[in-house]
Protein backbone atom coordinates (compact mmCIF):
# COMPACT_ATOMS: atom_id res chain seq x y z
CA MET A 1 23.74 -21.02 9.21
CA SER A 2 21.09 -20.46 11.90
CA GLN A 3 22.61 -17.05 12.73
CA GLU A 4 22.14 -15.97 9.11
CA ILE A 5 18.49 -17.00 9.24
CA MET A 6 18.00 -15.10 12.50
CA ASN A 7 19.55 -11.96 10.98
CA LYS A 8 17.22 -12.13 7.97
CA VAL A 9 14.14 -12.54 10.20
CA GLU A 10 15.23 -9.71 12.50
CA LYS A 11 15.98 -7.35 9.60
CA SER A 12 12.27 -6.95 8.84
CA CYS A 13 11.60 -5.81 12.45
CA LEU A 14 14.35 -3.18 12.62
CA LYS A 15 13.50 0.51 12.29
CA ASP A 16 14.70 2.17 9.08
CA GLU A 17 16.19 5.10 10.99
CA PRO A 18 16.88 4.17 14.61
CA PRO A 19 17.25 7.13 17.00
CA GLN A 20 20.78 8.53 17.32
CA PHE A 21 21.90 9.17 20.90
CA ASP A 22 24.85 8.36 23.15
CA ILE A 23 25.46 7.38 26.75
CA GLY A 24 25.16 10.45 28.98
CA ASP A 25 22.67 12.26 26.75
CA THR A 26 19.58 13.77 28.35
CA VAL A 27 16.67 12.55 26.24
CA ASP A 28 12.88 12.70 25.98
CA VAL A 29 11.50 9.26 25.12
CA HIS A 30 8.06 9.53 23.50
CA THR A 31 6.18 6.30 24.28
CA ARG A 32 2.84 5.23 22.84
CA ILE A 33 0.42 4.27 25.64
CA LEU A 34 -2.82 2.38 24.99
CA GLU A 35 -5.70 3.24 27.31
CA GLY A 36 -8.73 1.23 26.30
CA ASP A 37 -9.25 1.99 22.61
CA LYS A 38 -7.39 5.32 22.76
CA GLU A 39 -3.70 5.88 22.16
CA ARG A 40 -1.65 8.72 23.59
CA ILE A 41 2.01 9.72 23.79
CA GLN A 42 3.74 9.83 27.17
CA ILE A 43 7.15 11.47 27.56
CA PHE A 44 9.82 10.04 29.87
CA SER A 45 12.75 12.45 30.36
CA GLY A 46 16.09 11.46 31.80
CA THR A 47 19.73 10.57 31.29
CA VAL A 48 20.77 7.55 29.21
CA ILE A 49 22.93 5.48 31.57
CA ALA A 50 23.33 2.28 29.51
CA ARG A 51 22.86 0.59 26.16
CA SER A 52 22.90 -3.16 25.72
CA GLY A 53 22.17 -5.87 23.17
CA SER A 54 22.17 -5.73 19.40
CA GLY A 55 19.69 -6.10 16.58
CA THR A 56 16.06 -6.28 17.68
CA ARG A 57 17.16 -6.95 21.27
CA GLU A 58 18.97 -3.62 21.66
CA MET A 59 17.84 -1.77 24.79
CA PHE A 60 18.70 1.49 26.52
CA THR A 61 18.18 2.54 30.12
CA VAL A 62 17.00 6.02 31.08
CA ARG A 63 17.27 7.34 34.64
CA ARG A 64 15.62 10.34 36.24
CA ILE A 65 14.81 11.62 39.71
CA VAL A 66 11.12 11.87 40.66
CA ALA A 67 10.18 13.33 44.06
CA GLY A 68 13.66 12.61 45.41
CA GLU A 69 13.55 8.97 44.28
CA GLY A 70 15.53 7.55 41.36
CA VAL A 71 13.47 5.94 38.59
CA GLU A 72 14.99 3.86 35.80
CA ARG A 73 13.22 2.54 32.75
CA LYS A 74 14.47 0.30 29.95
CA PHE A 75 13.26 0.81 26.39
CA PRO A 76 13.81 -1.30 23.26
CA VAL A 77 15.40 0.83 20.53
CA HIS A 78 13.44 -0.79 17.70
CA SER A 79 10.06 -1.06 19.44
CA PRO A 80 7.01 0.35 17.65
CA ARG A 81 5.85 1.60 21.10
CA VAL A 82 8.78 4.05 21.19
CA ALA A 83 7.57 6.86 18.94
CA ALA A 84 10.66 9.07 19.16
CA VAL A 85 13.81 9.74 21.14
CA GLU A 86 14.63 13.43 21.29
CA VAL A 87 18.10 14.47 22.49
CA LYS A 88 17.88 17.54 24.74
CA ARG A 89 21.51 17.77 25.82
CA SER A 90 24.75 15.82 25.41
CA SER A 91 27.28 15.21 28.16
CA VAL A 92 30.96 14.34 28.33
CA VAL A 93 31.33 10.81 29.72
CA ARG A 94 34.23 8.37 29.90
CA ARG A 95 32.27 5.21 30.62
CA ALA A 96 29.95 2.92 28.67
CA LYS A 97 27.70 2.38 31.70
CA LEU A 98 26.89 5.21 34.11
CA TYR A 99 25.72 3.06 37.02
CA PHE A 100 27.75 5.20 39.42
CA LEU A 101 25.02 7.86 39.10
CA ARG A 102 22.74 5.61 41.17
CA ASP A 103 24.78 6.37 44.29
CA ARG A 104 24.76 10.13 43.78
CA ILE A 105 22.17 12.63 44.95
CA GLY A 106 21.49 16.31 44.35
CA LYS A 107 23.93 18.32 42.27
CA ALA A 108 26.42 15.42 42.14
CA VAL A 109 24.19 13.78 39.49
CA ARG A 110 24.92 16.53 36.96
CA LEU A 111 27.22 15.76 34.05
CA LYS A 112 29.45 18.18 32.15
CA GLU A 113 27.82 19.35 28.92
CA ARG A 114 29.39 18.53 25.54
CA ARG A 115 29.39 21.44 23.11
CA ARG A 116 28.35 20.51 19.58
CA LYS A 117 29.22 22.42 16.46
C-alpha cells in the first residue's frame, strides 16, 4: 500500500520525456547553474559509466579526464537542474558498470564505437 502511494507522489516529479542514453555513450550534460540572481548553462562532457536507482532516485555517473586527472560526476536523471543530455557518440560495451575505466590511462580509455543506422 505505501509503495503505491510513493509511486503516485513520485509520478508528478518525473520528467515527461527523460533523456535516452546508454552505458558507454559519450554525452554532453547541460546543467543549470545559479550564480547570484543569474542562471547559466554549464556543459559537462564525458562517458556514462553507470546508471543506478529507479523513479525519481535514478542517477547516472559521467566520467572524463581533465588535465590528466579523472573527474566523475553523478547527475539525477529527472532533476530540473539537468537541462538536457545530448548523446555525442555511442560505444559497444558488455558491462552495466564501466568502473574498470578508472584504472586505465591514455588511449586505453577509448571504447569501440557503435554504428547506428
